[in-house]
PDB file of N, CA and C in Angstrom:
ATOM      1  N   MET A   1      31.711 -71.865 -14.450  1.00  0.00           N
ATOM      2  CA  MET A   1      32.296 -70.586 -14.136  1.00  0.00           C
ATOM      3  C   MET A   1      31.374 -69.808 -13.198  1.00  0.00           C
ATOM      4  N   VAL A   2      31.932 -68.825 -12.557  1.00  0.00           N
ATOM      5  CA  VAL A   2      31.191 -68.039 -11.576  1.00  0.00           C
ATOM      6  C   VAL A   2      30.081 -67.230 -12.237  1.00  0.00           C
ATOM      7  N   PHE A   3      30.350 -66.651 -13.414  1.00  0.00           N
ATOM      8  CA  PHE A   3      29.335 -65.808 -14.046  1.00  0.00           C
ATOM      9  C   PHE A   3      28.097 -66.606 -14.428  1.00  0.00           C
ATOM     10  N   GLU A   4      28.252 -67.907 -14.649  1.00  0.00           N
ATOM     11  CA  GLU A   4      27.083 -68.724 -14.991  1.00  0.00           C
ATOM     12  C   GLU A   4      26.101 -68.785 -13.834  1.00  0.00           C
ATOM     13  N   ASP A   5      26.595 -68.826 -12.601  1.00  0.00           N
ATOM     14  CA  ASP A   5      25.715 -68.799 -11.427  1.00  0.00           C
ATOM     15  C   ASP A   5      24.931 -67.496 -11.379  1.00  0.00           C
ATOM     16  N   ALA A   6      25.615 -66.388 -11.653  1.00  0.00           N
ATOM     17  CA  ALA A   6      24.954 -65.078 -11.652  1.00  0.00           C
ATOM     18  C   ALA A   6      23.919 -65.001 -12.753  1.00  0.00           C
ATOM     19  N   LEU A   7      24.260 -65.488 -13.932  1.00  0.00           N
ATOM     20  CA  LEU A   7      23.325 -65.472 -15.060  1.00  0.00           C
ATOM     21  C   LEU A   7      22.116 -66.356 -14.764  1.00  0.00           C
ATOM     22  N   ASP A   8      22.350 -67.541 -14.226  1.00  0.00           N
ATOM     23  CA  ASP A   8      21.240 -68.433 -13.870  1.00  0.00           C
ATOM     24  C   ASP A   8      20.299 -67.770 -12.864  1.00  0.00           C
ATOM     25  N   HIS A   9      20.871 -67.112 -11.863  1.00  0.00           N
ATOM     26  CA  HIS A   9      20.055 -66.434 -10.850  1.00  0.00           C
ATOM     27  C   HIS A   9      19.231 -65.317 -11.473  1.00  0.00           C
ATOM     28  N   LEU A  10      19.847 -64.530 -12.350  1.00  0.00           N
ATOM     29  CA  LEU A  10      19.132 -63.436 -12.998  1.00  0.00           C
ATOM     30  C   LEU A  10      18.016 -63.964 -13.897  1.00  0.00           C
ATOM     31  N   VAL A  11      18.311 -64.961 -14.712  1.00  0.00           N
ATOM     32  CA  VAL A  11      17.301 -65.526 -15.614  1.00  0.00           C
ATOM     33  C   VAL A  11      16.151 -66.129 -14.808  1.00  0.00           C
ATOM     34  N   GLU A  12      16.474 -66.821 -13.743  1.00  0.00           N
ATOM     35  CA  GLU A  12      15.433 -67.412 -12.889  1.00  0.00           C
ATOM     36  C   GLU A  12      14.529 -66.337 -12.286  1.00  0.00           C
ATOM     37  N   THR A  13      15.131 -65.258 -11.806  1.00  0.00           N
ATOM     38  CA  THR A  13      14.365 -64.178 -11.189  1.00  0.00           C
ATOM     39  C   THR A  13      13.495 -63.462 -12.211  1.00  0.00           C
ATOM     40  N   VAL A  14      14.065 -63.130 -13.361  1.00  0.00           N
ATOM     41  CA  VAL A  14      13.294 -62.426 -14.397  1.00  0.00           C
ATOM     42  C   VAL A  14      12.190 -63.327 -14.942  1.00  0.00           C
ATOM     43  N   SER A  15      12.468 -64.602 -15.102  1.00  0.00           N
ATOM     44  CA  SER A  15      11.445 -65.541 -15.585  1.00  0.00           C
ATOM     45  C   SER A  15      10.278 -65.646 -14.610  1.00  0.00           C
ATOM     46  N   ALA A  16      10.565 -65.500 -13.327  1.00  0.00           N
ATOM     47  CA  ALA A  16       9.512 -65.594 -12.307  1.00  0.00           C
ATOM     48  C   ALA A  16       8.536 -64.429 -12.395  1.00  0.00           C
ATOM     49  N   ILE A  17       8.939 -63.330 -13.016  1.00  0.00           N
ATOM     50  CA  ILE A  17       8.045 -62.168 -13.145  1.00  0.00           C
ATOM     51  C   ILE A  17       6.834 -62.518 -13.996  1.00  0.00           C
ATOM     52  N   ASN A  18       7.043 -63.268 -15.069  1.00  0.00           N
ATOM     53  CA  ASN A  18       5.955 -63.615 -15.990  1.00  0.00           C
ATOM     54  C   ASN A  18       5.443 -65.037 -15.799  1.00  0.00           C
ATOM     55  N   ARG A  19       5.738 -65.625 -14.687  1.00  0.00           N
ATOM     56  CA  ARG A  19       5.283 -66.985 -14.406  1.00  0.00           C
ATOM     57  C   ARG A  19       3.755 -67.013 -14.417  1.00  0.00           C
ATOM     58  N   PRO A  20       3.138 -67.980 -15.113  1.00  0.00           N
ATOM     59  CA  PRO A  20       1.670 -68.022 -15.192  1.00  0.00           C
ATOM     60  C   PRO A  20       1.004 -68.207 -13.825  1.00  0.00           C
ATOM     61  N   THR A  21       1.615 -68.997 -12.968  1.00  0.00           N
ATOM     62  CA  THR A  21       1.049 -69.180 -11.631  1.00  0.00           C
ATOM     63  C   THR A  21       2.010 -68.606 -10.607  1.00  0.00           C
ATOM     64  N   ASN A  22       1.491 -67.860  -9.689  1.00  0.00           N
ATOM     65  CA  ASN A  22       2.262 -67.262  -8.614  1.00  0.00           C
ATOM     66  C   ASN A  22       3.445 -66.427  -9.136  1.00  0.00           C
ATOM     67  N   PRO A  23       3.159 -65.403  -9.960  1.00  0.00           N
ATOM     68  CA  PRO A  23       4.246 -64.576 -10.491  1.00  0.00           C
ATOM     69  C   PRO A  23       4.922 -63.770  -9.385  1.00  0.00           C
ATOM     70  N   LEU A  24       6.151 -63.396  -9.620  1.00  0.00           N
ATOM     71  CA  LEU A  24       6.919 -62.607  -8.667  1.00  0.00           C
ATOM     72  C   LEU A  24       6.321 -61.211  -8.566  1.00  0.00           C
ATOM     73  N   THR A  25       6.055 -60.763  -7.363  1.00  0.00           N
ATOM     74  CA  THR A  25       5.479 -59.430  -7.157  1.00  0.00           C
ATOM     75  C   THR A  25       6.591 -58.383  -7.155  1.00  0.00           C
ATOM     76  N   GLN A  26       6.209 -57.127  -7.268  1.00  0.00           N
ATOM     77  CA  GLN A  26       7.195 -56.044  -7.241  1.00  0.00           C
ATOM     78  C   GLN A  26       7.930 -56.049  -5.898  1.00  0.00           C
ATOM     79  N   GLU A  27       7.210 -56.283  -4.826  1.00  0.00           N
ATOM     80  CA  GLU A  27       7.830 -56.306  -3.502  1.00  0.00           C
ATOM     81  C   GLU A  27       8.850 -57.434  -3.396  1.00  0.00           C
ATOM     82  N   SER A  28       8.505 -58.594  -3.942  1.00  0.00           N
ATOM     83  CA  SER A  28       9.428 -59.733  -3.907  1.00  0.00           C
ATOM     84  C   SER A  28      10.664 -59.467  -4.765  1.00  0.00           C
ATOM     85  N   LEU A  29      10.460 -58.816  -5.896  1.00  0.00           N
ATOM     86  CA  LEU A  29      11.578 -58.490  -6.778  1.00  0.00           C
ATOM     87  C   LEU A  29      12.529 -57.509  -6.096  1.00  0.00           C
ATOM     88  N   VAL A  30      11.973 -56.471  -5.487  1.00  0.00           N
ATOM     89  CA  VAL A  30      12.800 -55.501  -4.766  1.00  0.00           C
ATOM     90  C   VAL A  30      13.545 -56.200  -3.635  1.00  0.00           C
ATOM     91  N   SER A  31      12.856 -57.051  -2.894  1.00  0.00           N
ATOM     92  CA  SER A  31      13.478 -57.785  -1.792  1.00  0.00           C
ATOM     93  C   SER A  31      14.609 -58.680  -2.298  1.00  0.00           C
ATOM     94  N   THR A  32      14.391 -59.331  -3.429  1.00  0.00           N
ATOM     95  CA  THR A  32      15.416 -60.206  -4.010  1.00  0.00           C
ATOM     96  C   THR A  32      16.673 -59.421  -4.350  1.00  0.00           C
ATOM     97  N   PHE A  33      16.509 -58.262  -4.993  1.00  0.00           N
ATOM     98  CA  PHE A  33      17.677 -57.487  -5.404  1.00  0.00           C
ATOM     99  C   PHE A  33      18.278 -56.664  -4.271  1.00  0.00           C
ATOM    100  N   ARG A  34      17.597 -56.576  -3.141  1.00  0.00           N
ATOM    101  CA  ARG A  34      18.190 -55.928  -1.968  1.00  0.00           C
ATOM    102  C   ARG A  34      19.031 -56.911  -1.163  1.00  0.00           C
ATOM    103  N   ASP A  35      18.845 -58.173  -1.442  1.00  0.00           N
ATOM    104  CA  ASP A  35      19.651 -59.209  -0.794  1.00  0.00           C
ATOM    105  C   ASP A  35      21.103 -59.058  -1.249  1.00  0.00           C
ATOM    106  N   ASP A  36      22.042 -59.062  -0.305  1.00  0.00           N
ATOM    107  CA  ASP A  36      23.453 -58.834  -0.634  1.00  0.00           C
ATOM    108  C   ASP A  36      23.978 -59.810  -1.679  1.00  0.00           C
ATOM    109  N   VAL A  37      23.684 -61.080  -1.523  1.00  0.00           N
ATOM    110  CA  VAL A  37      24.195 -62.077  -2.462  1.00  0.00           C
ATOM    111  C   VAL A  37      23.613 -61.851  -3.857  1.00  0.00           C
ATOM    112  N   ALA A  38      22.300 -61.658  -3.937  1.00  0.00           N
ATOM    113  CA  ALA A  38      21.647 -61.464  -5.239  1.00  0.00           C
ATOM    114  C   ALA A  38      22.125 -60.183  -5.913  1.00  0.00           C
ATOM    115  N   SER A  39      22.220 -59.088  -5.169  1.00  0.00           N
ATOM    116  CA  SER A  39      22.647 -57.827  -5.789  1.00  0.00           C
ATOM    117  C   SER A  39      24.107 -57.895  -6.211  1.00  0.00           C
ATOM    118  N   ASN A  40      24.952 -58.555  -5.426  1.00  0.00           N
ATOM    119  CA  ASN A  40      26.350 -58.702  -5.820  1.00  0.00           C
ATOM    120  C   ASN A  40      26.504 -59.574  -7.059  1.00  0.00           C
ATOM    121  N   LEU A  41      25.696 -60.613  -7.165  1.00  0.00           N
ATOM    122  CA  LEU A  41      25.729 -61.445  -8.376  1.00  0.00           C
ATOM    123  C   LEU A  41      25.325 -60.631  -9.600  1.00  0.00           C
ATOM    124  N   LEU A  42      24.294 -59.820  -9.460  1.00  0.00           N
ATOM    125  CA  LEU A  42      23.833 -58.998 -10.572  1.00  0.00           C
ATOM    126  C   LEU A  42      24.895 -57.975 -10.975  1.00  0.00           C
ATOM    127  N   VAL A  43      25.473 -57.295  -9.998  1.00  0.00           N
ATOM    128  CA  VAL A  43      26.513 -56.299 -10.293  1.00  0.00           C
ATOM    129  C   VAL A  43      27.704 -56.974 -10.972  1.00  0.00           C
ATOM    130  N   MET A  44      28.108 -58.133 -10.478  1.00  0.00           N
ATOM    131  CA  MET A  44      29.225 -58.855 -11.087  1.00  0.00           C
ATOM    132  C   MET A  44      28.912 -59.211 -12.540  1.00  0.00           C
ATOM    133  N   LEU A  45      27.712 -59.708 -12.783  1.00  0.00           N
ATOM    134  CA  LEU A  45      27.317 -60.071 -14.140  1.00  0.00           C
ATOM    135  C   LEU A  45      27.334 -58.848 -15.056  1.00  0.00           C
ATOM    136  N   LEU A  46      26.790 -57.730 -14.600  1.00  0.00           N
ATOM    137  CA  LEU A  46      26.776 -56.518 -15.412  1.00  0.00           C
ATOM    138  C   LEU A  46      28.191 -55.995 -15.659  1.00  0.00           C
ATOM    139  N   ARG A  47      29.078 -56.147 -14.695  1.00  0.00           N
ATOM    140  CA  ARG A  47      30.484 -55.753 -14.890  1.00  0.00           C
ATOM    141  C   ARG A  47      31.137 -56.628 -15.957  1.00  0.00           C
ATOM    142  N   PHE A  48      30.868 -57.920 -15.927  1.00  0.00           N
ATOM    143  CA  PHE A  48      31.435 -58.818 -16.940  1.00  0.00           C
ATOM    144  C   PHE A  48      30.897 -58.490 -18.328  1.00  0.00           C
ATOM    145  N   ILE A  49      29.605 -58.192 -18.418  1.00  0.00           N
ATOM    146  CA  ILE A  49      29.013 -57.822 -19.709  1.00  0.00           C
ATOM    147  C   ILE A  49      29.651 -56.537 -20.222  1.00  0.00           C
ATOM    148  N   THR A  50      29.828 -55.565 -19.339  1.00  0.00           N
ATOM    149  CA  THR A  50      30.449 -54.295 -19.717  1.00  0.00           C
ATOM    150  C   THR A  50      31.874 -54.517 -20.203  1.00  0.00           C
ATOM    151  N   ALA A  51      32.638 -55.315 -19.472  1.00  0.00           N
ATOM    152  CA  ALA A  51      34.028 -55.585 -19.862  1.00  0.00           C
ATOM    153  C   ALA A  51      34.087 -56.347 -21.183  1.00  0.00           C
ATOM    154  N   ALA A  52      33.201 -57.317 -21.354  1.00  0.00           N
ATOM    155  CA  ALA A  52      33.203 -58.097 -22.591  1.00  0.00           C
ATOM    156  C   ALA A  52      32.887 -57.209 -23.788  1.00  0.00           C
ATOM    157  N   ASP A  53      31.960 -56.275 -23.624  1.00  0.00           N
ATOM    158  CA  ASP A  53      31.635 -55.361 -24.717  1.00  0.00           C
ATOM    159  C   ASP A  53      32.815 -54.455 -25.028  1.00  0.00           C
ATOM    160  N   GLY A  54      33.536 -54.036 -23.997  1.00  0.00           N
ATOM    161  CA  GLY A  54      34.689 -53.171 -24.196  1.00  0.00           C
ATOM    162  C   GLY A  54      35.850 -53.873 -24.866  1.00  0.00           C
ATOM    163  N   MET A  55      35.926 -55.189 -24.739  1.00  0.00           N
ATOM    164  CA  MET A  55      37.043 -55.934 -25.310  1.00  0.00           C
ATOM    165  C   MET A  55      36.676 -56.660 -26.600  1.00  0.00           C
ATOM    166  N   TYR A  56      35.525 -56.364 -27.150  1.00  0.00           N
ATOM    167  CA  TYR A  56      35.067 -57.007 -28.375  1.00  0.00           C
ATOM    168  C   TYR A  56      35.850 -56.471 -29.577  1.00  0.00           C
ATOM    169  N   ASP A  57      36.085 -57.306 -30.565  1.00  0.00           N
ATOM    170  CA  ASP A  57      36.765 -56.919 -31.810  1.00  0.00           C
ATOM    171  C   ASP A  57      38.205 -56.466 -31.604  1.00  0.00           C
ATOM    172  N   ASP A  58      39.004 -57.292 -30.927  1.00  0.00           N
ATOM    173  CA  ASP A  58      40.441 -57.070 -30.797  1.00  0.00           C
ATOM    174  C   ASP A  58      40.784 -55.679 -30.272  1.00  0.00           C
ATOM    175  N   PRO A  59      40.527 -55.429 -29.001  1.00  0.00           N
ATOM    176  CA  PRO A  59      40.764 -54.097 -28.434  1.00  0.00           C
ATOM    177  C   PRO A  59      42.250 -53.817 -28.260  1.00  0.00           C
ATOM    178  N   PRO A  60      42.610 -52.555 -28.129  1.00  0.00           N
ATOM    179  CA  PRO A  60      43.999 -52.250 -27.793  1.00  0.00           C
ATOM    180  C   PRO A  60      44.317 -52.724 -26.380  1.00  0.00           C
ATOM    181  N   ALA A  61      45.587 -52.931 -26.093  1.00  0.00           N
ATOM    182  CA  ALA A  61      46.000 -53.424 -24.773  1.00  0.00           C
ATOM    183  C   ALA A  61      45.525 -52.508 -23.657  1.00  0.00           C
ATOM    184  N   SER A  62      45.462 -51.203 -23.915  1.00  0.00           N
ATOM    185  CA  SER A  62      45.029 -50.272 -22.877  1.00  0.00           C
ATOM    186  C   SER A  62      43.570 -50.506 -22.485  1.00  0.00           C
ATOM    187  N   THR A  63      42.719 -50.889 -23.449  1.00  0.00           N
ATOM    188  CA  THR A  63      41.312 -51.182 -23.146  1.00  0.00           C
ATOM    189  C   THR A  63      41.198 -52.427 -22.298  1.00  0.00           C
ATOM    190  N   GLU A  64      41.964 -53.454 -22.638  1.00  0.00           N
ATOM    191  CA  GLU A  64      41.935 -54.695 -21.869  1.00  0.00           C
ATOM    192  C   GLU A  64      42.410 -54.452 -20.440  1.00  0.00           C
ATOM    193  N   LEU A  65      43.465 -53.675 -20.280  1.00  0.00           N
ATOM    194  CA  LEU A  65      43.980 -53.344 -18.955  1.00  0.00           C
ATOM    195  C   LEU A  65      42.960 -52.529 -18.160  1.00  0.00           C
ATOM    196  N   PHE A  66      42.311 -51.566 -18.819  1.00  0.00           N
ATOM    197  CA  PHE A  66      41.269 -50.761 -18.174  1.00  0.00           C
ATOM    198  C   PHE A  66      40.153 -51.658 -17.660  1.00  0.00           C
ATOM    199  N   CYS A  67      39.704 -52.590 -18.489  1.00  0.00           N
ATOM    200  CA  CYS A  67      38.616 -53.493 -18.079  1.00  0.00           C
ATOM    201  C   CYS A  67      39.027 -54.365 -16.902  1.00  0.00           C
ATOM    202  N   ARG A  68      40.241 -54.876 -16.939  1.00  0.00           N
ATOM    203  CA  ARG A  68      40.704 -55.741 -15.846  1.00  0.00           C
ATOM    204  C   ARG A  68      40.864 -54.979 -14.531  1.00  0.00           C
ATOM    205  N   ARG A  69      41.289 -53.722 -14.608  1.00  0.00           N
ATOM    206  CA  ARG A  69      41.551 -52.955 -13.395  1.00  0.00           C
ATOM    207  C   ARG A  69      40.331 -52.204 -12.866  1.00  0.00           C
ATOM    208  N   LEU A  70      39.473 -51.690 -13.768  1.00  0.00           N
ATOM    209  CA  LEU A  70      38.425 -50.783 -13.325  1.00  0.00           C
ATOM    210  C   LEU A  70      37.000 -51.211 -13.635  1.00  0.00           C
ATOM    211  N   VAL A  71      36.817 -52.216 -14.466  1.00  0.00           N
ATOM    212  CA  VAL A  71      35.454 -52.635 -14.798  1.00  0.00           C
ATOM    213  C   VAL A  71      35.101 -53.942 -14.109  1.00  0.00           C
ATOM    214  N   GLU A  72      35.938 -54.949 -14.234  1.00  0.00           N
ATOM    215  CA  GLU A  72      35.628 -56.269 -13.699  1.00  0.00           C
ATOM    216  C   GLU A  72      35.636 -56.358 -12.167  1.00  0.00           C
ATOM    217  N   PRO A  73      36.581 -55.718 -11.471  1.00  0.00           N
ATOM    218  CA  PRO A  73      36.633 -55.901 -10.008  1.00  0.00           C
ATOM    219  C   PRO A  73      35.422 -55.312  -9.288  1.00  0.00           C
ATOM    220  N   MET A  74      34.938 -56.063  -8.322  1.00  0.00           N
ATOM    221  CA  MET A  74      33.864 -55.562  -7.476  1.00  0.00           C
ATOM    222  C   MET A  74      34.439 -54.486  -6.572  1.00  0.00           C
ATOM    223  N   GLY A  75      33.626 -53.515  -6.205  1.00  0.00           N
ATOM    224  CA  GLY A  75      34.058 -52.466  -5.305  1.00  0.00           C
ATOM    225  C   GLY A  75      34.613 -51.237  -6.013  1.00  0.00           C
ATOM    226  N   GLU A  76      34.817 -51.330  -7.311  1.00  0.00           N
ATOM    227  CA  GLU A  76      35.265 -50.163  -8.078  1.00  0.00           C
ATOM    228  C   GLU A  76      34.043 -49.358  -8.479  1.00  0.00           C
ATOM    229  N   GLU A  77      34.149 -48.053  -8.415  1.00  0.00           N
ATOM    230  CA  GLU A  77      33.040 -47.187  -8.772  1.00  0.00           C
ATOM    231  C   GLU A  77      32.858 -47.163 -10.291  1.00  0.00           C
ATOM    232  N   SER A  78      31.623 -47.189 -10.731  1.00  0.00           N
ATOM    233  CA  SER A  78      31.332 -47.111 -12.164  1.00  0.00           C
ATOM    234  C   SER A  78      31.175 -45.657 -12.563  1.00  0.00           C
ATOM    235  N   ASP A  79      31.546 -45.373 -13.797  1.00  0.00           N
ATOM    236  CA  ASP A  79      31.526 -44.001 -14.290  1.00  0.00           C
ATOM    237  C   ASP A  79      30.810 -43.962 -15.639  1.00  0.00           C
ATOM    238  N   HIS A  80      30.812 -42.801 -16.235  1.00  0.00           N
ATOM    239  CA  HIS A  80      30.139 -42.560 -17.514  1.00  0.00           C
ATOM    240  C   HIS A  80      30.500 -43.617 -18.563  1.00  0.00           C
ATOM    241  N   ILE A  81      31.775 -43.918 -18.700  1.00  0.00           N
ATOM    242  CA  ILE A  81      32.215 -44.860 -19.728  1.00  0.00           C
ATOM    243  C   ILE A  81      31.656 -46.265 -19.495  1.00  0.00           C
ATOM    244  N   HIS A  82      31.491 -46.641 -18.244  1.00  0.00           N
ATOM    245  CA  HIS A  82      30.907 -47.944 -17.918  1.00  0.00           C
ATOM    246  C   HIS A  82      29.433 -47.991 -18.335  1.00  0.00           C
ATOM    247  N   ILE A  83      28.721 -46.918 -18.051  1.00  0.00           N
ATOM    248  CA  ILE A  83      27.290 -46.855 -18.364  1.00  0.00           C
ATOM    249  C   ILE A  83      27.069 -46.894 -19.868  1.00  0.00           C
ATOM    250  N   VAL A  84      27.878 -46.147 -20.609  1.00  0.00           N
ATOM    251  CA  VAL A  84      27.768 -46.143 -22.073  1.00  0.00           C
ATOM    252  C   VAL A  84      28.022 -47.548 -22.614  1.00  0.00           C
ATOM    253  N   ALA A  85      29.082 -48.204 -22.143  1.00  0.00           N
ATOM    254  CA  ALA A  85      29.405 -49.559 -22.617  1.00  0.00           C
ATOM    255  C   ALA A  85      28.286 -50.540 -22.275  1.00  0.00           C
ATOM    256  N   LEU A  86      27.719 -50.436 -21.078  1.00  0.00           N
ATOM    257  CA  LEU A  86      26.662 -51.354 -20.668  1.00  0.00           C
ATOM    258  C   LEU A  86      25.381 -51.144 -21.472  1.00  0.00           C
ATOM    259  N   THR A  87      24.980 -49.890 -21.696  1.00  0.00           N
ATOM    260  CA  THR A  87      23.768 -49.645 -22.481  1.00  0.00           C
ATOM    261  C   THR A  87      23.945 -50.122 -23.918  1.00  0.00           C
ATOM    262  N   GLU A  88      25.147 -49.989 -24.452  1.00  0.00           N
ATOM    263  CA  GLU A  88      25.397 -50.479 -25.814  1.00  0.00           C
ATOM    264  C   GLU A  88      25.416 -52.003 -25.855  1.00  0.00           C
ATOM    265  N   ALA A  89      26.003 -52.633 -24.844  1.00  0.00           N
ATOM    266  CA  ALA A  89      26.076 -54.098 -24.808  1.00  0.00           C
ATOM    267  C   ALA A  89      24.696 -54.723 -24.681  1.00  0.00           C
ATOM    268  N   LEU A  90      23.835 -54.119 -23.861  1.00  0.00           N
ATOM    269  CA  LEU A  90      22.502 -54.672 -23.629  1.00  0.00           C
ATOM    270  C   LEU A  90      21.436 -54.091 -24.549  1.00  0.00           C
ATOM    271  N   THR A  91      21.803 -53.053 -25.285  1.00  0.00           N
ATOM    272  CA  THR A  91      20.871 -52.289 -26.126  1.00  0.00           C
ATOM    273  C   THR A  91      19.615 -51.895 -25.348  1.00  0.00           C
ATOM    274  N   VAL A  92      19.852 -51.407 -24.146  1.00  0.00           N
ATOM    275  CA  VAL A  92      18.779 -50.976 -23.254  1.00  0.00           C
ATOM    276  C   VAL A  92      19.130 -49.579 -22.744  1.00  0.00           C
ATOM    277  N   PRO A  93      18.198 -48.629 -22.823  1.00  0.00           N
ATOM    278  CA  PRO A  93      18.497 -47.302 -22.284  1.00  0.00           C
ATOM    279  C   PRO A  93      18.600 -47.334 -20.767  1.00  0.00           C
ATOM    280  N   CYS A  94      19.268 -46.343 -20.231  1.00  0.00           N
ATOM    281  CA  CYS A  94      19.488 -46.271 -18.790  1.00  0.00           C
ATOM    282  C   CYS A  94      19.322 -44.823 -18.338  1.00  0.00           C
ATOM    283  N   ARG A  95      18.757 -44.629 -17.181  1.00  0.00           N
ATOM    284  CA  ARG A  95      18.633 -43.291 -16.601  1.00  0.00           C
ATOM    285  C   ARG A  95      19.372 -43.300 -15.269  1.00  0.00           C
ATOM    286  N   VAL A  96      20.307 -42.389 -15.113  1.00  0.00           N
ATOM    287  CA  VAL A  96      21.089 -42.276 -13.886  1.00  0.00           C
ATOM    288  C   VAL A  96      20.589 -41.062 -13.126  1.00  0.00           C
ATOM    289  N   VAL A  97      20.252 -41.268 -11.857  1.00  0.00           N
ATOM    290  CA  VAL A  97      19.812 -40.182 -10.992  1.00  0.00           C
ATOM    291  C   VAL A  97      20.942 -39.908 -10.006  1.00  0.00           C
ATOM    292  N   TYR A  98      21.397 -38.666  -9.982  1.00  0.00           N
ATOM    293  CA  TYR A  98      22.494 -38.278  -9.106  1.00  0.00           C
ATOM    294  C   TYR A  98      21.939 -37.935  -7.731  1.00  0.00           C
ATOM    295  N   LEU A  99      22.417 -38.631  -6.725  1.00  0.00           N
ATOM    296  CA  LEU A  99      21.909 -38.467  -5.367  1.00  0.00           C
ATOM    297  C   LEU A  99      22.769 -37.527  -4.536  1.00  0.00           C
ATOM    298  N   ASP A 100      23.719 -36.845  -5.174  1.00  0.00           N
ATOM    299  CA  ASP A 100      24.614 -35.952  -4.442  1.00  0.00           C
ATOM    300  C   ASP A 100      24.041 -34.547  -4.290  1.00  0.00           C
ATOM    301  N   ARG A 101      22.787 -34.369  -4.652  1.00  0.00           N
ATOM    302  CA  ARG A 101      22.059 -33.100  -4.555  1.00  0.00           C
ATOM    303  C   ARG A 101      22.659 -32.018  -5.453  1.00  0.00           C
ATOM    304  N   SER A 102      23.443 -32.422  -6.462  1.00  0.00           N
ATOM    305  CA  SER A 102      24.049 -31.441  -7.358  1.00  0.00           C
ATOM    306  C   SER A 102      23.014 -30.724  -8.206  1.00  0.00           C
ATOM    307  N   GLY A 103      21.819 -31.260  -8.293  1.00  0.00           N
ATOM    308  CA  GLY A 103      20.774 -30.626  -9.075  1.00  0.00           C
ATOM    309  C   GLY A 103      19.865 -29.734  -8.253  1.00  0.00           C
ATOM    310  N   ALA A 104      20.054 -29.730  -6.954  1.00  0.00           N
ATOM    311  CA  ALA A 104      19.207 -28.905  -6.087  1.00  0.00           C
ATOM    312  C   ALA A 104      19.542 -27.435  -6.300  1.00  0.00           C
ATOM    313  N   ASP A 105      18.513 -26.601  -6.285  1.00  0.00           N
ATOM    314  CA  ASP A 105      18.778 -25.165  -6.473  1.00  0.00           C
ATOM    315  C   ASP A 105      19.402 -24.572  -5.218  1.00  0.00           C
ATOM    316  N   MET A 106      19.901 -23.381  -5.332  1.00  0.00           N
ATOM    317  CA  MET A 106      20.604 -22.743  -4.220  1.00  0.00           C
ATOM    318  C   MET A 106      19.680 -22.453  -3.040  1.00  0.00           C
ATOM    319  N   GLY A 107      18.387 -22.432  -3.261  1.00  0.00           N
ATOM    320  CA  GLY A 107      17.446 -22.136  -2.188  1.00  0.00           C
ATOM    321  C   GLY A 107      17.104 -23.337  -1.334  1.00  0.00           C
ATOM    322  N   GLY A 108      17.780 -24.469  -1.545  1.00  0.00           N
ATOM    323  CA  GLY A 108      17.537 -25.638  -0.714  1.00  0.00           C
ATOM    324  C   GLY A 108      16.435 -26.533  -1.251  1.00  0.00           C
ATOM    325  N   GLY A 109      16.083 -26.373  -2.537  1.00  0.00           N
ATOM    326  CA  GLY A 109      15.056 -27.216  -3.133  1.00  0.00           C
ATOM    327  C   GLY A 109      15.491 -28.667  -3.187  1.00  0.00           C
ATOM    328  N   GLY A 110      14.560 -29.555  -3.373  1.00  0.00           N
ATOM    329  CA  GLY A 110      14.854 -30.980  -3.338  1.00  0.00           C
ATOM    330  C   GLY A 110      15.031 -31.616  -4.701  1.00  0.00           C
ATOM    331  N   GLY A 111      15.262 -30.818  -5.738  1.00  0.00           N
ATOM    332  CA  GLY A 111      15.395 -31.384  -7.070  1.00  0.00           C
ATOM    333  C   GLY A 111      16.627 -32.254  -7.212  1.00  0.00           C
ATOM    334  N   VAL A 112      16.526 -33.242  -8.077  1.00  0.00           N
ATOM    335  CA  VAL A 112      17.675 -34.093  -8.369  1.00  0.00           C
ATOM    336  C   VAL A 112      17.990 -33.988  -9.851  1.00  0.00           C
ATOM    337  N   ARG A 113      19.228 -34.247 -10.167  1.00  0.00           N
ATOM    338  CA  ARG A 113      19.684 -34.197 -11.549  1.00  0.00           C
ATOM    339  C   ARG A 113      19.743 -35.623 -12.073  1.00  0.00           C
ATOM    340  N   SER A 114      19.333 -35.801 -13.312  1.00  0.00           N
ATOM    341  CA  SER A 114      19.412 -37.129 -13.914  1.00  0.00           C
ATOM    342  C   SER A 114      19.904 -36.998 -15.347  1.00  0.00           C
ATOM    343  N   ARG A 115      20.354 -38.131 -15.888  1.00  0.00           N
ATOM    344  CA  ARG A 115      20.831 -38.167 -17.257  1.00  0.00           C
ATOM    345  C   ARG A 115      20.415 -39.483 -17.889  1.00  0.00           C
ATOM    346  N   ARG A 116      19.958 -39.404 -19.125  1.00  0.00           N
ATOM    347  CA  ARG A 116      19.574 -40.607 -19.864  1.00  0.00           C
ATOM    348  C   ARG A 116      20.695 -41.016 -20.809  1.00  0.00           C
ATOM    349  N   TYR A 117      20.915 -42.306 -20.882  1.00  0.00           N
ATOM    350  CA  TYR A 117      21.875 -42.892 -21.808  1.00  0.00           C
ATOM    351  C   TYR A 117      21.118 -43.817 -22.743  1.00  0.00           C
ATOM    352  N   HIS A 118      21.401 -43.695 -24.023  1.00  0.00           N
ATOM    353  CA  HIS A 118      20.725 -44.516 -25.030  1.00  0.00           C
ATOM    354  C   HIS A 118      21.758 -45.297 -25.826  1.00  0.00           C
ATOM    355  N   PRO A 119      21.441 -46.544 -26.172  1.00  0.00           N
ATOM    356  CA  PRO A 119      22.385 -47.331 -26.979  1.00  0.00           C
ATOM    357  C   PRO A 119      22.552 -46.772 -28.380  1.00  0.00           C
TER     358      PRO A 119
END
């Protein structure tokens, strides 16, 4: 299946971080995830994990339809509900930084607004 390729790529990359010889550097990791193919594989995998968590334990038909239409497809924008489902599925906290300058003060300050999500 397609998700297995994405999972293999992610596991290989993360495993390279702690490799005893020639470990992956921060620069190499950033470069890897900036690559279009690698970042798209990661996003696809995270979308599948999010959808799978949302459909766990016999979901209502509306949840399954929501996942098929708005979670699984690439190119759809992720929202609060996606982030909550993903943090719960992975049991990993997440911090979202809003880049729309909505946190900047009226005087033109450069502050950004962020929000933490916890499983």
